[in-house]
């Protein structure tokens, strides 16, 4: 969403088997944007994502990877004073319908992978 990643700062906690069980990362993108992420097998996360910008924010409801709703806050007023616009985007079938449709589109177009 933010373009190519040109810088990474990351930290991981490894479990007894060597599997990373808790990760934190800070990314720098080619256009100067920053992004952060965290994932864990040991902590309960909210499964949400927020996109912050100069003109407002978008809250992606959990689970962010299969969200059916976005909450859009326009402007830069404090969080508790900003009107929220709710955008419903229900998906059809299981969460994987879009991926299956894209595979079919690529196959019909003779593509070996999605652009």
PDB file of N, CA and C in Angstrom:
ATOM      1  N   UNK A   1       0.814  -1.185   0.000  1.00  0.00           N
ATOM      2  CA  UNK A   1       0.000   0.000   0.000  1.00  0.00           C
ATOM      3  C   UNK A   1       0.866   1.259   0.000  1.00  0.00           C
ATOM      4  N   UNK A   2       1.988   1.229   0.686  1.00  0.00           N
ATOM      5  CA  UNK A   2       2.834   2.411   0.804  1.00  0.00           C
ATOM      6  C   UNK A   2       4.022   2.397  -0.137  1.00  0.00           C
ATOM      7  N   UNK A   3       4.137   1.378  -0.947  1.00  0.00           N
ATOM      8  CA  UNK A   3       5.235   1.317  -1.895  1.00  0.00           C
ATOM      9  C   UNK A   3       6.402   0.487  -1.395  1.00  0.00           C
ATOM     10  N   UNK A   4       7.492   0.562  -2.142  1.00  0.00           N
ATOM     11  CA  UNK A   4       8.663  -0.251  -1.837  1.00  0.00           C
ATOM     12  C   UNK A   4       9.221   0.047  -0.449  1.00  0.00           C
ATOM     13  N   UNK A   5       9.693  -0.998   0.210  1.00  0.00           N
ATOM     14  CA  UNK A   5      10.325  -0.870   1.528  1.00  0.00           C
ATOM     15  C   UNK A   5      11.811  -0.638   1.304  1.00  0.00           C
ATOM     16  N   UNK A   6      12.337   0.445   1.892  1.00  0.00           N
ATOM     17  CA  UNK A   6      13.749   0.776   1.715  1.00  0.00           C
ATOM     18  C   UNK A   6      14.537   0.700   3.022  1.00  0.00           C
ATOM     19  N   UNK A   7      13.840   0.480   4.132  1.00  0.00           N
ATOM     20  CA  UNK A   7      14.532   0.340   5.406  1.00  0.00           C
ATOM     21  C   UNK A   7      13.710  -0.497   6.362  1.00  0.00           C
ATOM     22  N   UNK A   8      14.399  -1.346   7.130  1.00  0.00           N
ATOM     23  CA  UNK A   8      13.716  -2.243   8.069  1.00  0.00           C
ATOM     24  C   UNK A   8      14.442  -2.224   9.405  1.00  0.00           C
ATOM     25  N   UNK A   9      13.661  -2.130  10.455  1.00  0.00           N
ATOM     26  CA  UNK A   9      14.175  -2.340  11.808  1.00  0.00           C
ATOM     27  C   UNK A   9      13.220  -3.353  12.427  1.00  0.00           C
ATOM     28  N   UNK A  10      13.727  -4.480  12.857  1.00  0.00           N
ATOM     29  CA  UNK A  10      12.866  -5.545  13.362  1.00  0.00           C
ATOM     30  C   UNK A  10      13.497  -6.223  14.563  1.00  0.00           C
ATOM     31  N   UNK A  11      12.638  -6.852  15.343  1.00  0.00           N
ATOM     32  CA  UNK A  11      13.081  -7.564  16.533  1.00  0.00           C
ATOM     33  C   UNK A  11      12.171  -8.770  16.694  1.00  0.00           C
ATOM     34  N   UNK A  12      12.715  -9.901  17.059  1.00  0.00           N
ATOM     35  CA  UNK A  12      11.916 -11.108  17.244  1.00  0.00           C
ATOM     36  C   UNK A  12      12.341 -11.821  18.524  1.00  0.00           C
ATOM     37  N   UNK A  13      11.371 -12.449  19.147  1.00  0.00           N
ATOM     38  CA  UNK A  13      11.643 -13.325  20.282  1.00  0.00           C
ATOM     39  C   UNK A  13      11.453 -14.745  19.783  1.00  0.00           C
ATOM     40  N   UNK A  14      12.471 -15.567  19.960  1.00  0.00           N
ATOM     41  CA  UNK A  14      12.400 -16.948  19.498  1.00  0.00           C
ATOM     42  C   UNK A  14      11.987 -17.858  20.644  1.00  0.00           C
ATOM     43  N   UNK A  15      11.171 -18.859  20.302  1.00  0.00           N
ATOM     44  CA  UNK A  15      10.772 -19.862  21.272  1.00  0.00           C
ATOM     45  C   UNK A  15      11.822 -20.960  21.364  1.00  0.00           C
ATOM     46  N   UNK A  16      11.599 -21.961  22.207  1.00  0.00           N
ATOM     47  CA  UNK A  16      12.584 -23.036  22.416  1.00  0.00           C
ATOM     48  C   UNK A  16      12.912 -23.825  21.151  1.00  0.00           C
ATOM     49  N   UNK A  17      11.994 -23.859  20.182  1.00  0.00           N
ATOM     50  CA  UNK A  17      12.245 -24.620  18.952  1.00  0.00           C
ATOM     51  C   UNK A  17      12.886 -23.761  17.868  1.00  0.00           C
ATOM     52  N   UNK A  18      13.105 -22.465  18.153  1.00  0.00           N
ATOM     53  CA  UNK A  18      13.693 -21.574  17.163  1.00  0.00           C
ATOM     54  C   UNK A  18      12.675 -20.815  16.334  1.00  0.00           C
ATOM     55  N   UNK A  19      11.393 -21.087  16.564  1.00  0.00           N
ATOM     56  CA  UNK A  19      10.328 -20.385  15.842  1.00  0.00           C
ATOM     57  C   UNK A  19      10.145 -19.003  16.453  1.00  0.00           C
ATOM     58  N   UNK A  20       9.984 -17.985  15.607  1.00  0.00           N
ATOM     59  CA  UNK A  20       9.738 -16.642  16.130  1.00  0.00           C
ATOM     60  C   UNK A  20       8.309 -16.577  16.673  1.00  0.00           C
ATOM     61  N   UNK A  21       8.194 -16.266  17.952  1.00  0.00           N
ATOM     62  CA  UNK A  21       6.886 -16.282  18.614  1.00  0.00           C
ATOM     63  C   UNK A  21       6.354 -14.878  18.893  1.00  0.00           C
ATOM     64  N   UNK A  22       7.209 -13.881  18.737  1.00  0.00           N
ATOM     65  CA  UNK A  22       6.765 -12.502  18.926  1.00  0.00           C
ATOM     66  C   UNK A  22       7.656 -11.620  18.057  1.00  0.00           C
ATOM     67  N   UNK A  23       7.038 -10.785  17.227  1.00  0.00           N
ATOM     68  CA  UNK A  23       7.792  -9.956  16.287  1.00  0.00           C
ATOM     69  C   UNK A  23       7.310  -8.517  16.326  1.00  0.00           C
ATOM     70  N   UNK A  24       8.248  -7.602  16.162  1.00  0.00           N
ATOM     71  CA  UNK A  24       7.946  -6.182  16.063  1.00  0.00           C
ATOM     72  C   UNK A  24       8.769  -5.631  14.913  1.00  0.00           C
ATOM     73  N   UNK A  25       8.156  -4.767  14.081  1.00  0.00           N
ATOM     74  CA  UNK A  25       8.904  -4.221  12.967  1.00  0.00           C
ATOM     75  C   UNK A  25       8.512  -2.778  12.681  1.00  0.00           C
ATOM     76  N   UNK A  26       9.492  -2.024  12.220  1.00  0.00           N
ATOM     77  CA  UNK A  26       9.317  -0.658  11.740  1.00  0.00           C
ATOM     78  C   UNK A  26       9.851  -0.627  10.317  1.00  0.00           C
ATOM     79  N   UNK A  27       9.056  -0.111   9.404  1.00  0.00           N
ATOM     80  CA  UNK A  27       9.458  -0.068   7.999  1.00  0.00           C
ATOM     81  C   UNK A  27       9.498   1.373   7.504  1.00  0.00           C
ATOM     82  N   UNK A  28      10.439   1.659   6.602  1.00  0.00           N
ATOM     83  CA  UNK A  28      10.521   2.942   5.923  1.00  0.00           C
ATOM     84  C   UNK A  28      10.300   2.676   4.443  1.00  0.00           C
ATOM     85  N   UNK A  29       9.412   3.456   3.824  1.00  0.00           N
ATOM     86  CA  UNK A  29       9.034   3.233   2.431  1.00  0.00           C
ATOM     87  C   UNK A  29       9.687   4.278   1.531  1.00  0.00           C
ATOM     88  N   UNK A  30       9.771   3.970   0.238  1.00  0.00           N
ATOM     89  CA  UNK A  30      10.484   4.802  -0.732  1.00  0.00           C
ATOM     90  C   UNK A  30       9.980   6.243  -0.752  1.00  0.00           C
ATOM     91  N   UNK A  31       8.701   6.456  -0.527  1.00  0.00           N
ATOM     92  CA  UNK A  31       8.145   7.800  -0.547  1.00  0.00           C
ATOM     93  C   UNK A  31       8.285   8.545   0.771  1.00  0.00           C
ATOM     94  N   UNK A  32       8.976   7.942   1.739  1.00  0.00           N
ATOM     95  CA  UNK A  32       9.167   8.580   3.035  1.00  0.00           C
ATOM     96  C   UNK A  32       8.164   8.152   4.092  1.00  0.00           C
ATOM     97  N   UNK A  33       7.153   7.387   3.715  1.00  0.00           N
ATOM     98  CA  UNK A  33       6.161   6.924   4.685  1.00  0.00           C
ATOM     99  C   UNK A  33       6.784   5.914   5.640  1.00  0.00           C
ATOM    100  N   UNK A  34       6.150   5.779   6.770  1.00  0.00           N
ATOM    101  CA  UNK A  34       6.571   4.812   7.792  1.00  0.00           C
ATOM    102  C   UNK A  34       5.410   3.872   8.079  1.00  0.00           C
ATOM    103  N   UNK A  35       5.727   2.640   8.422  1.00  0.00           N
ATOM    104  CA  UNK A  35       4.699   1.700   8.870  1.00  0.00           C
ATOM    105  C   UNK A  35       5.280   0.854   9.988  1.00  0.00           C
ATOM    106  N   UNK A  36       4.389   0.357  10.825  1.00  0.00           N
ATOM    107  CA  UNK A  36       4.786  -0.484  11.948  1.00  0.00           C
ATOM    108  C   UNK A  36       3.895  -1.714  11.980  1.00  0.00           C
ATOM    109  N   UNK A  37       4.425  -2.789  12.523  1.00  0.00           N
ATOM    110  CA  UNK A  37       3.646  -4.004  12.665  1.00  0.00           C
ATOM    111  C   UNK A  37       4.111  -4.810  13.857  1.00  0.00           C
ATOM    112  N   UNK A  38       3.220  -5.676  14.308  1.00  0.00           N
ATOM    113  CA  UNK A  38       3.527  -6.572  15.421  1.00  0.00           C
ATOM    114  C   UNK A  38       2.690  -7.821  15.220  1.00  0.00           C
ATOM    115  N   UNK A  39       3.279  -8.963  15.458  1.00  0.00           N
ATOM    116  CA  UNK A  39       2.530 -10.215  15.445  1.00  0.00           C
ATOM    117  C   UNK A  39       3.092 -11.110  16.542  1.00  0.00           C
ATOM    118  N   UNK A  40       2.241 -12.002  17.028  1.00  0.00           N
ATOM    119  CA  UNK A  40       2.664 -12.802  18.162  1.00  0.00           C
ATOM    120  C   UNK A  40       1.909 -14.116  18.224  1.00  0.00           C
ATOM    121  N   UNK A  41       2.613 -15.159  18.637  1.00  0.00           N
ATOM    122  CA  UNK A  41       1.983 -16.426  18.987  1.00  0.00           C
ATOM    123  C   UNK A  41       1.781 -16.520  20.496  1.00  0.00           C
ATOM    124  N   UNK A  42       2.352 -15.582  21.236  1.00  0.00           N
ATOM    125  CA  UNK A  42       2.287 -15.616  22.698  1.00  0.00           C
ATOM    126  C   UNK A  42       1.338 -14.599  23.300  1.00  0.00           C
ATOM    127  N   UNK A  43       1.050 -13.535  22.590  1.00  0.00           N
ATOM    128  CA  UNK A  43       0.182 -12.482  23.117  1.00  0.00           C
ATOM    129  C   UNK A  43      -1.098 -12.420  22.285  1.00  0.00           C
ATOM    130  N   UNK A  44      -2.174 -12.046  22.925  1.00  0.00           N
ATOM    131  CA  UNK A  44      -3.430 -11.867  22.214  1.00  0.00           C
ATOM    132  C   UNK A  44      -3.419 -10.470  21.599  1.00  0.00           C
ATOM    133  N   UNK A  45      -3.463 -10.423  20.281  1.00  0.00           N
ATOM    134  CA  UNK A  45      -3.466  -9.136  19.591  1.00  0.00           C
ATOM    135  C   UNK A  45      -4.887  -8.792  19.183  1.00  0.00           C
ATOM    136  N   UNK A  46      -5.105  -7.530  18.860  1.00  0.00           N
ATOM    137  CA  UNK A  46      -6.435  -7.079  18.475  1.00  0.00           C
ATOM    138  C   UNK A  46      -6.830  -7.460  17.064  1.00  0.00           C
ATOM    139  N   UNK A  47      -5.863  -7.840  16.222  1.00  0.00           N
ATOM    140  CA  UNK A  47      -6.175  -8.216  14.845  1.00  0.00           C
ATOM    141  C   UNK A  47      -6.686  -7.048  14.018  1.00  0.00           C
ATOM    142  N   UNK A  48      -6.327  -5.834  14.398  1.00  0.00           N
ATOM    143  CA  UNK A  48      -6.812  -4.663  13.682  1.00  0.00           C
ATOM    144  C   UNK A  48      -5.667  -3.941  13.012  1.00  0.00           C
ATOM    145  N   UNK A  49      -6.017  -3.018  12.134  1.00  0.00           N
ATOM    146  CA  UNK A  49      -5.010  -2.198  11.462  1.00  0.00           C
ATOM    147  C   UNK A  49      -5.547  -0.780  11.369  1.00  0.00           C
ATOM    148  N   UNK A  50      -4.659   0.178  11.475  1.00  0.00           N
ATOM    149  CA  UNK A  50      -5.027   1.579  11.339  1.00  0.00           C
ATOM    150  C   UNK A  50      -4.070   2.228  10.364  1.00  0.00           C
ATOM    151  N   UNK A  51      -4.631   3.003   9.452  1.00  0.00           N
ATOM    152  CA  UNK A  51      -3.842   3.777   8.502  1.00  0.00           C
ATOM    153  C   UNK A  51      -4.013   5.239   8.890  1.00  0.00           C
ATOM    154  N   UNK A  52      -2.903   5.891   9.224  1.00  0.00           N
ATOM    155  CA  UNK A  52      -2.930   7.298   9.624  1.00  0.00           C
ATOM    156  C   UNK A  52      -2.375   8.142   8.493  1.00  0.00           C
ATOM    157  N   UNK A  53      -3.030   9.268   8.224  1.00  0.00           N
ATOM    158  CA  UNK A  53      -2.560  10.171   7.187  1.00  0.00           C
ATOM    159  C   UNK A  53      -2.758  11.614   7.601  1.00  0.00           C
ATOM    160  N   UNK A  54      -2.337  12.511   6.757  1.00  0.00           N
ATOM    161  CA  UNK A  54      -2.441  13.931   7.074  1.00  0.00           C
ATOM    162  C   UNK A  54      -3.884  14.427   7.030  1.00  0.00           C
ATOM    163  N   UNK A  55      -4.770  13.697   6.369  1.00  0.00           N
ATOM    164  CA  UNK A  55      -6.165  14.119   6.259  1.00  0.00           C
ATOM    165  C   UNK A  55      -7.130  13.237   7.040  1.00  0.00           C
ATOM    166  N   UNK A  56      -6.625  12.368   7.913  1.00  0.00           N
ATOM    167  CA  UNK A  56      -7.508  11.532   8.706  1.00  0.00           C
ATOM    168  C   UNK A  56      -6.925  10.156   8.937  1.00  0.00           C
ATOM    169  N   UNK A  57      -7.811   9.218   9.241  1.00  0.00           N
ATOM    170  CA  UNK A  57      -7.365   7.848   9.509  1.00  0.00           C
ATOM    171  C   UNK A  57      -8.422   6.858   9.036  1.00  0.00           C
ATOM    172  N   UNK A  58      -7.986   5.632   8.788  1.00  0.00           N
ATOM    173  CA  UNK A  58      -8.872   4.520   8.458  1.00  0.00           C
ATOM    174  C   UNK A  58      -8.589   3.420   9.468  1.00  0.00           C
ATOM    175  N   UNK A  59      -9.622   3.004  10.187  1.00  0.00           N
ATOM    176  CA  UNK A  59      -9.517   1.861  11.094  1.00  0.00           C
ATOM    177  C   UNK A  59     -10.096   0.659  10.370  1.00  0.00           C
ATOM    178  N   UNK A  60      -9.309  -0.387  10.225  1.00  0.00           N
ATOM    179  CA  UNK A  60      -9.744  -1.617   9.565  1.00  0.00           C
ATOM    180  C   UNK A  60     -10.127  -2.598  10.661  1.00  0.00           C
ATOM    181  N   UNK A  61     -11.384  -3.011  10.667  1.00  0.00           N
ATOM    182  CA  UNK A  61     -11.883  -3.837  11.766  1.00  0.00           C
ATOM    183  C   UNK A  61     -11.287  -5.243  11.715  1.00  0.00           C
ATOM    184  N   UNK A  62     -11.153  -5.858  12.881  1.00  0.00           N
ATOM    185  CA  UNK A  62     -10.580  -7.204  12.962  1.00  0.00           C
ATOM    186  C   UNK A  62     -11.488  -8.259  12.341  1.00  0.00           C
ATOM    187  N   UNK A  63     -10.902  -9.313  11.808  1.00  0.00           N
ATOM    188  CA  UNK A  63      -9.482  -9.444  11.542  1.00  0.00           C
ATOM    189  C   UNK A  63      -9.128  -8.640  10.290  1.00  0.00           C
ATOM    190  N   UNK A  64      -8.070  -7.838  10.342  1.00  0.00           N
ATOM    191  CA  UNK A  64      -7.738  -6.915   9.261  1.00  0.00           C
ATOM    192  C   UNK A  64      -7.534  -7.621   7.927  1.00  0.00           C
ATOM    193  N   UNK A  65      -7.076  -8.867   7.941  1.00  0.00           N
ATOM    194  CA  UNK A  65      -6.818  -9.589   6.694  1.00  0.00           C
ATOM    195  C   UNK A  65      -8.100 -10.077   6.033  1.00  0.00           C
ATOM    196  N   UNK A  66      -9.225  -9.975   6.717  1.00  0.00           N
ATOM    197  CA  UNK A  66     -10.517 -10.352   6.135  1.00  0.00           C
ATOM    198  C   UNK A  66     -11.593  -9.398   6.633  1.00  0.00           C
ATOM    199  N   UNK A  67     -11.244  -8.127   6.730  1.00  0.00           N
ATOM    200  CA  UNK A  67     -12.165  -7.130   7.281  1.00  0.00           C
ATOM    201  C   UNK A  67     -13.406  -6.990   6.414  1.00  0.00           C
ATOM    202  N   UNK A  68     -14.510  -6.787   7.068  1.00  0.00           N
ATOM    203  CA  UNK A  68     -15.767  -6.534   6.372  1.00  0.00           C
ATOM    204  C   UNK A  68     -16.254  -5.109   6.612  1.00  0.00           C
ATOM    205  N   UNK A  69     -15.463  -4.337   7.349  1.00  0.00           N
ATOM    206  CA  UNK A  69     -15.875  -2.982   7.657  1.00  0.00           C
ATOM    207  C   UNK A  69     -14.655  -2.082   7.841  1.00  0.00           C
ATOM    208  N   UNK A  70     -14.772  -0.868   7.350  1.00  0.00           N
ATOM    209  CA  UNK A  70     -13.771   0.174   7.554  1.00  0.00           C
ATOM    210  C   UNK A  70     -14.442   1.315   8.295  1.00  0.00           C
ATOM    211  N   UNK A  71     -13.682   2.005   9.119  1.00  0.00           N
ATOM    212  CA  UNK A  71     -14.177   3.198   9.789  1.00  0.00           C
ATOM    213  C   UNK A  71     -13.268   4.349   9.378  1.00  0.00           C
ATOM    214  N   UNK A  72     -13.855   5.333   8.729  1.00  0.00           N
ATOM    215  CA  UNK A  72     -13.113   6.455   8.173  1.00  0.00           C
ATOM    216  C   UNK A  72     -13.346   7.700   9.013  1.00  0.00           C
ATOM    217  N   UNK A  73     -12.259   8.314   9.474  1.00  0.00           N
ATOM    218  CA  UNK A  73     -12.320   9.564  10.234  1.00  0.00           C
ATOM    219  C   UNK A  73     -11.594  10.621   9.415  1.00  0.00           C
ATOM    220  N   UNK A  74     -12.335  11.585   8.901  1.00  0.00           N
ATOM    221  CA  UNK A  74     -11.737  12.643   8.073  1.00  0.00           C
ATOM    222  C   UNK A  74     -11.316  13.807   8.952  1.00  0.00           C
ATOM    223  N   UNK A  75     -10.184  14.403   8.620  1.00  0.00           N
ATOM    224  CA  UNK A  75      -9.726  15.574   9.356  1.00  0.00           C
ATOM    225  C   UNK A  75      -8.708  15.212  10.413  1.00  0.00           C
ATOM    226  N   UNK A  76      -8.308  16.213  11.166  1.00  0.00           N
ATOM    227  CA  UNK A  76      -7.244  16.024  12.147  1.00  0.00           C
ATOM    228  C   UNK A  76      -7.681  16.410  13.551  1.00  0.00           C
ATOM    229  N   UNK A  77      -8.988  16.440  13.796  1.00  0.00           N
ATOM    230  CA  UNK A  77      -9.464  16.731  15.145  1.00  0.00           C
ATOM    231  C   UNK A  77      -9.120  15.582  16.083  1.00  0.00           C
ATOM    232  N   UNK A  78      -9.161  15.821  17.401  1.00  0.00           N
ATOM    233  CA  UNK A  78      -8.898  14.722  18.349  1.00  0.00           C
ATOM    234  C   UNK A  78      -9.832  13.536  18.093  1.00  0.00           C
ATOM    235  N   UNK A  79      -9.350  12.344  18.440  1.00  0.00           N
ATOM    236  CA  UNK A  79     -10.089  11.105  18.173  1.00  0.00           C
ATOM    237  C   UNK A  79     -11.508  11.156  18.712  1.00  0.00           C
ATOM    238  N   UNK A  80     -11.699  11.682  19.892  1.00  0.00           N
ATOM    239  CA  UNK A  80     -13.035  11.672  20.497  1.00  0.00           C
ATOM    240  C   UNK A  80     -13.953  12.750  19.930  1.00  0.00           C
ATOM    241  N   UNK A  81     -13.448  13.619  19.046  1.00  0.00           N
ATOM    242  CA  UNK A  81     -14.275  14.664  18.448  1.00  0.00           C
ATOM    243  C   UNK A  81     -14.478  14.463  16.947  1.00  0.00           C
ATOM    244  N   UNK A  82     -13.919  13.434  16.385  1.00  0.00           N
ATOM    245  CA  UNK A  82     -13.967  13.216  14.942  1.00  0.00           C
ATOM    246  C   UNK A  82     -15.149  12.335  14.562  1.00  0.00           C
ATOM    247  N   UNK A  83     -16.020  12.822  13.657  1.00  0.00           N
ATOM    248  CA  UNK A  83     -17.114  11.953  13.178  1.00  0.00           C
ATOM    249  C   UNK A  83     -16.540  10.748  12.430  1.00  0.00           C
ATOM    250  N   UNK A  84     -17.156   9.619  12.624  1.00  0.00           N
ATOM    251  CA  UNK A  84     -16.698   8.372  11.998  1.00  0.00           C
ATOM    252  C   UNK A  84     -17.699   7.954  10.934  1.00  0.00           C
ATOM    253  N   UNK A  85     -17.199   7.691   9.733  1.00  0.00           N
ATOM    254  CA  UNK A  85     -18.014   7.150   8.651  1.00  0.00           C
ATOM    255  C   UNK A  85     -17.726   5.659   8.563  1.00  0.00           C
ATOM    256  N   UNK A  86     -18.761   4.839   8.642  1.00  0.00           N
ATOM    257  CA  UNK A  86     -18.599   3.390   8.575  1.00  0.00           C
ATOM    258  C   UNK A  86     -18.877   2.917   7.154  1.00  0.00           C
ATOM    259  N   UNK A  87     -17.973   2.130   6.620  1.00  0.00           N
ATOM    260  CA  UNK A  87     -18.105   1.585   5.271  1.00  0.00           C
ATOM    261  C   UNK A  87     -18.140   0.069   5.392  1.00  0.00           C
ATOM    262  N   UNK A  88     -19.271  -0.519   5.057  1.00  0.00           N
ATOM    263  CA  UNK A  88     -19.412  -1.975   5.104  1.00  0.00           C
ATOM    264  C   UNK A  88     -18.994  -2.583   3.783  1.00  0.00           C
ATOM    265  N   UNK A  89     -18.166  -3.600   3.841  1.00  0.00           N
ATOM    266  CA  UNK A  89     -17.677  -4.323   2.666  1.00  0.00           C
ATOM    267  C   UNK A  89     -17.746  -5.824   2.923  1.00  0.00           C
ATOM    268  N   UNK A  90     -18.971  -6.366   3.011  1.00  0.00           N
ATOM    269  CA  UNK A  90     -19.047  -7.816   3.280  1.00  0.00           C
ATOM    270  C   UNK A  90     -18.478  -8.623   2.116  1.00  0.00           C
ATOM    271  N   UNK A  91     -17.825  -9.734   2.458  1.00  0.00           N
ATOM    272  CA  UNK A  91     -17.282 -10.590   1.427  1.00  0.00           C
ATOM    273  C   UNK A  91     -18.231 -11.739   1.171  1.00  0.00           C
ATOM    274  N   UNK A  92     -18.120 -12.267  -0.039  1.00  0.00           N
ATOM    275  CA  UNK A  92     -18.955 -13.408  -0.422  1.00  0.00           C
ATOM    276  C   UNK A  92     -18.240 -14.694  -0.039  1.00  0.00           C
ATOM    277  N   UNK A  93     -19.001 -15.668   0.390  1.00  0.00           N
ATOM    278  CA  UNK A  93     -18.414 -16.975   0.684  1.00  0.00           C
ATOM    279  C   UNK A  93     -17.394 -16.894   1.787  1.00  0.00           C
ATOM    280  N   UNK A  94     -16.313 -17.650   1.621  1.00  0.00           N
ATOM    281  CA  UNK A  94     -15.243 -17.622   2.614  1.00  0.00           C
ATOM    282  C   UNK A  94     -14.325 -16.438   2.321  1.00  0.00           C
ATOM    283  N   UNK A  95     -13.321 -16.235   3.131  1.00  0.00           N
ATOM    284  CA  UNK A  95     -12.396 -15.120   2.936  1.00  0.00           C
ATOM    285  C   UNK A  95     -11.558 -15.257   1.690  1.00  0.00           C
ATOM    286  N   UNK A  96     -11.553 -16.393   1.078  1.00  0.00           N
ATOM    287  CA  UNK A  96     -10.632 -16.643  -0.018  1.00  0.00           C
ATOM    288  C   UNK A  96     -11.259 -16.470  -1.397  1.00  0.00           C
ATOM    289  N   UNK A  97     -12.504 -16.014  -1.477  1.00  0.00           N
ATOM    290  CA  UNK A  97     -13.174 -15.855  -2.762  1.00  0.00           C
ATOM    291  C   UNK A  97     -12.385 -14.930  -3.680  1.00  0.00           C
ATOM    292  N   UNK A  98     -11.919 -13.796  -3.170  1.00  0.00           N
ATOM    293  CA  UNK A  98     -11.178 -12.848  -4.008  1.00  0.00           C
ATOM    294  C   UNK A  98      -9.910 -13.482  -4.569  1.00  0.00           C
ATOM    295  N   UNK A  99      -9.208 -14.258  -3.747  1.00  0.00           N
ATOM    296  CA  UNK A  99      -7.983 -14.897  -4.227  1.00  0.00           C
ATOM    297  C   UNK A  99      -8.294 -15.931  -5.314  1.00  0.00           C
ATOM    298  N   UNK A 100      -9.329 -16.707  -5.119  1.00  0.00           N
ATOM    299  CA  UNK A 100      -9.709 -17.715  -6.110  1.00  0.00           C
ATOM    300  C   UNK A 100     -10.119 -17.042  -7.415  1.00  0.00           C
ATOM    301  N   UNK A 101     -10.882 -15.956  -7.323  1.00  0.00           N
ATOM    302  CA  UNK A 101     -11.280 -15.225  -8.526  1.00  0.00           C
ATOM    303  C   UNK A 101     -10.068 -14.665  -9.261  1.00  0.00           C
ATOM    304  N   UNK A 102      -9.082 -14.174  -8.519  1.00  0.00           N
ATOM    305  CA  UNK A 102      -7.870 -13.629  -9.155  1.00  0.00           C
ATOM    306  C   UNK A 102      -7.076 -14.738  -9.831  1.00  0.00           C
ATOM    307  N   UNK A 103      -6.966 -15.906  -9.216  1.00  0.00           N
ATOM    308  CA  UNK A 103      -6.287 -17.033  -9.861  1.00  0.00           C
ATOM    309  C   UNK A 103      -6.994 -17.381 -11.171  1.00  0.00           C
ATOM    310  N   UNK A 104      -8.303 -17.448 -11.144  1.00  0.00           N
ATOM    311  CA  UNK A 104      -9.055 -17.778 -12.365  1.00  0.00           C
ATOM    312  C   UNK A 104      -8.839 -16.710 -13.437  1.00  0.00           C
ATOM    313  N   UNK A 105      -8.837 -15.435 -13.041  1.00  0.00           N
ATOM    314  CA  UNK A 105      -8.614 -14.353 -13.996  1.00  0.00           C
ATOM    315  C   UNK A 105      -7.232 -14.488 -14.638  1.00  0.00           C
ATOM    316  N   UNK A 106      -6.226 -14.767 -13.825  1.00  0.00           N
ATOM    317  CA  UNK A 106      -4.858 -14.908 -14.339  1.00  0.00           C
ATOM    318  C   UNK A 106      -4.747 -16.102 -15.277  1.00  0.00           C
ATOM    319  N   UNK A 107      -5.362 -17.218 -14.905  1.00  0.00           N
ATOM    320  CA  UNK A 107      -5.314 -18.400 -15.772  1.00  0.00           C
ATOM    321  C   UNK A 107      -5.966 -18.124 -17.112  1.00  0.00           C
ATOM    322  N   UNK A 108      -7.122 -17.456 -17.101  1.00  0.00           N
ATOM    323  CA  UNK A 108      -7.805 -17.126 -18.357  1.00  0.00           C
ATOM    324  C   UNK A 108      -6.953 -16.197 -19.216  1.00  0.00           C
ATOM    325  N   UNK A 109      -6.165 -15.332 -18.558  1.00  0.00           N
ATOM    326  CA  UNK A 109      -5.323 -14.384 -19.297  1.00  0.00           C
ATOM    327  C   UNK A 109      -3.969 -14.982 -19.665  1.00  0.00           C
ATOM    328  N   UNK A 110      -3.725 -16.250 -19.301  1.00  0.00           N
ATOM    329  CA  UNK A 110      -2.450 -16.895 -19.608  1.00  0.00           C
ATOM    330  C   UNK A 110      -1.300 -16.435 -18.725  1.00  0.00           C
ATOM    331  N   UNK A 111      -1.618 -15.886 -17.570  1.00  0.00           N
ATOM    332  CA  UNK A 111      -0.569 -15.411 -16.645  1.00  0.00           C
ATOM    333  C   UNK A 111      -0.171 -16.509 -15.681  1.00  0.00           C
ATOM    334  N   UNK A 112       1.114 -16.593 -15.380  1.00  0.00           N
ATOM    335  CA  UNK A 112       1.607 -17.576 -14.409  1.00  0.00           C
ATOM    336  C   UNK A 112       1.473 -17.077 -12.987  1.00  0.00           C
ATOM    337  N   UNK A 113       1.337 -15.762 -12.819  1.00  0.00           N
ATOM    338  CA  UNK A 113       1.141 -15.171 -11.493  1.00  0.00           C
ATOM    339  C   UNK A 113       0.415 -13.843 -11.636  1.00  0.00           C
ATOM    340  N   UNK A 114      -0.146 -13.377 -10.538  1.00  0.00           N
ATOM    341  CA  UNK A 114      -0.866 -12.104 -10.555  1.00  0.00           C
ATOM    342  C   UNK A 114       0.125 -10.949 -10.550  1.00  0.00           C
ATOM    343  N   UNK A 115      -0.154  -9.941 -11.335  1.00  0.00           N
ATOM    344  CA  UNK A 115       0.748  -8.776 -11.324  1.00  0.00           C
ATOM    345  C   UNK A 115       0.724  -8.142  -9.950  1.00  0.00           C
TER     346      UNK A 115
END
